[in-house]
Protein backbone atom coordinates (compact mmCIF):
# COMPACT_ATOMS: atom_id res chain seq x y z
CA UNK A 1 382.94 18.51 -14.92
CA UNK A 2 380.77 19.86 -12.62
CA UNK A 3 384.56 22.11 -11.60
CA UNK A 4 384.86 23.15 -15.16
CA UNK A 5 381.32 24.13 -15.48
CA UNK A 6 381.46 26.07 -12.08
CA UNK A 7 384.67 27.82 -13.44
CA UNK A 8 383.33 28.72 -16.52
CA UNK A 9 379.69 30.07 -14.89
CA UNK A 10 381.85 32.09 -12.87
CA UNK A 11 384.29 33.49 -15.36
CA UNK A 12 380.79 34.54 -17.12
CA UNK A 13 379.26 36.52 -14.42
CA UNK A 14 382.66 38.35 -14.35
CA UNK A 15 382.79 39.35 -17.89
CA UNK A 16 379.23 40.52 -17.95
CA UNK A 17 379.41 42.16 -14.65
CA UNK A 18 383.00 44.18 -16.52
CA UNK A 19 380.95 45.27 -19.58
CA UNK A 20 378.29 46.48 -17.64
CA UNK A 21 380.70 48.39 -15.59
CA UNK A 22 382.60 49.50 -18.88
CA UNK A 23 378.82 50.38 -20.98
CA UNK A 24 378.32 52.34 -17.37
CA UNK A 25 382.14 54.14 -17.29
CA UNK A 26 380.99 54.70 -21.24
CA UNK A 27 377.62 56.61 -20.64
CA UNK A 28 379.24 58.51 -17.53
CA UNK A 29 381.81 59.71 -19.96
CA UNK A 30 380.13 60.54 -22.10
CA UNK A 31 377.11 62.53 -20.47
CA UNK A 32 380.59 64.38 -18.54
CA UNK A 33 381.82 64.99 -22.69
CA UNK A 34 377.81 66.26 -23.73
CA UNK A 35 378.24 68.95 -20.53
CA UNK A 36 381.81 70.01 -21.08
CA UNK A 37 380.32 70.91 -24.56
CA UNK A 38 377.70 72.77 -23.83
CA UNK A 39 379.25 74.47 -20.97
CA UNK A 40 382.15 75.76 -23.68
CA UNK A 41 378.86 76.67 -26.08
CA UNK A 42 377.75 78.74 -23.57
CA UNK A 43 381.14 80.60 -22.73
CA UNK A 44 381.75 80.86 -26.24
CA UNK A 45 378.32 82.47 -27.03
CA UNK A 46 379.09 85.14 -23.71
CA UNK A 47 382.30 86.08 -25.61
CA UNK A 48 381.04 87.18 -29.20
CA UNK A 49 378.60 89.31 -27.01
CA UNK A 50 380.97 90.37 -24.31
CA UNK A 51 382.80 91.74 -27.70
CA UNK A 52 380.49 93.27 -29.31
CA UNK A 53 379.39 94.89 -26.75
CA UNK A 54 383.18 96.06 -26.05
CA UNK A 55 383.79 96.81 -30.03
CA UNK A 56 380.09 99.17 -29.21
CA UNK A 57 381.16 100.80 -26.11
CA UNK A 58 384.39 101.15 -28.24
CA UNK A 59 383.20 104.07 -30.78
CA UNK A 60 384.99 106.96 -31.59
CA UNK A 61 381.68 109.04 -31.65
CA UNK A 62 380.73 107.43 -28.40
CA UNK A 63 384.31 108.36 -26.83
CA UNK A 64 384.20 111.91 -27.48
CA UNK A 65 380.68 112.05 -26.45
CA UNK A 66 381.76 111.26 -23.77
CA UNK A 67 384.97 112.63 -22.61
CA UNK A 68 382.83 115.85 -23.59
CA UNK A 69 379.73 115.37 -21.41
CA UNK A 70 381.16 113.63 -18.01
CA UNK A 71 385.05 114.66 -18.28
CA UNK A 72 383.71 118.43 -19.92
CA UNK A 73 387.05 118.23 -22.15
CA UNK A 74 387.04 119.85 -25.75
CA UNK A 75 388.83 119.29 -28.33
CA UNK A 76 392.64 121.17 -28.72
CA UNK A 77 392.72 124.52 -30.78
CA UNK A 78 396.27 126.91 -31.43
CA UNK A 79 394.45 129.65 -29.40
CA UNK A 80 394.32 126.84 -25.48
CA UNK A 81 397.52 124.64 -26.74
CA UNK A 82 400.92 125.89 -24.92
CA UNK A 83 403.78 124.83 -25.74
CA UNK A 84 406.33 123.88 -23.71
CA UNK A 85 410.29 124.27 -24.80
CA UNK A 86 412.97 122.20 -23.61
CA UNK A 87 416.40 125.29 -22.67
CA UNK A 88 417.34 127.77 -24.60
CA UNK A 89 416.89 129.28 -28.51
CA UNK A 90 419.23 130.89 -30.34
């Protein structure tokens, strides 16, 4: 009878240790999941912010202003356009 009690006691202790280990792993994995979700939200917010900035930088008016100011470009008119022909004309 004492052997049976000892075996059952060992089984209960092993079961309790396994339960504690399983709960610990579950909490650890849940914490890692929450951390990953938080990082994903931060990345999404950064992506949205960068997309808005890209759209603001690429407006036609801004591109035209930069072309005129920084690159000293001007609008093409027939007076400054040079036409290149290939081959002979008949």
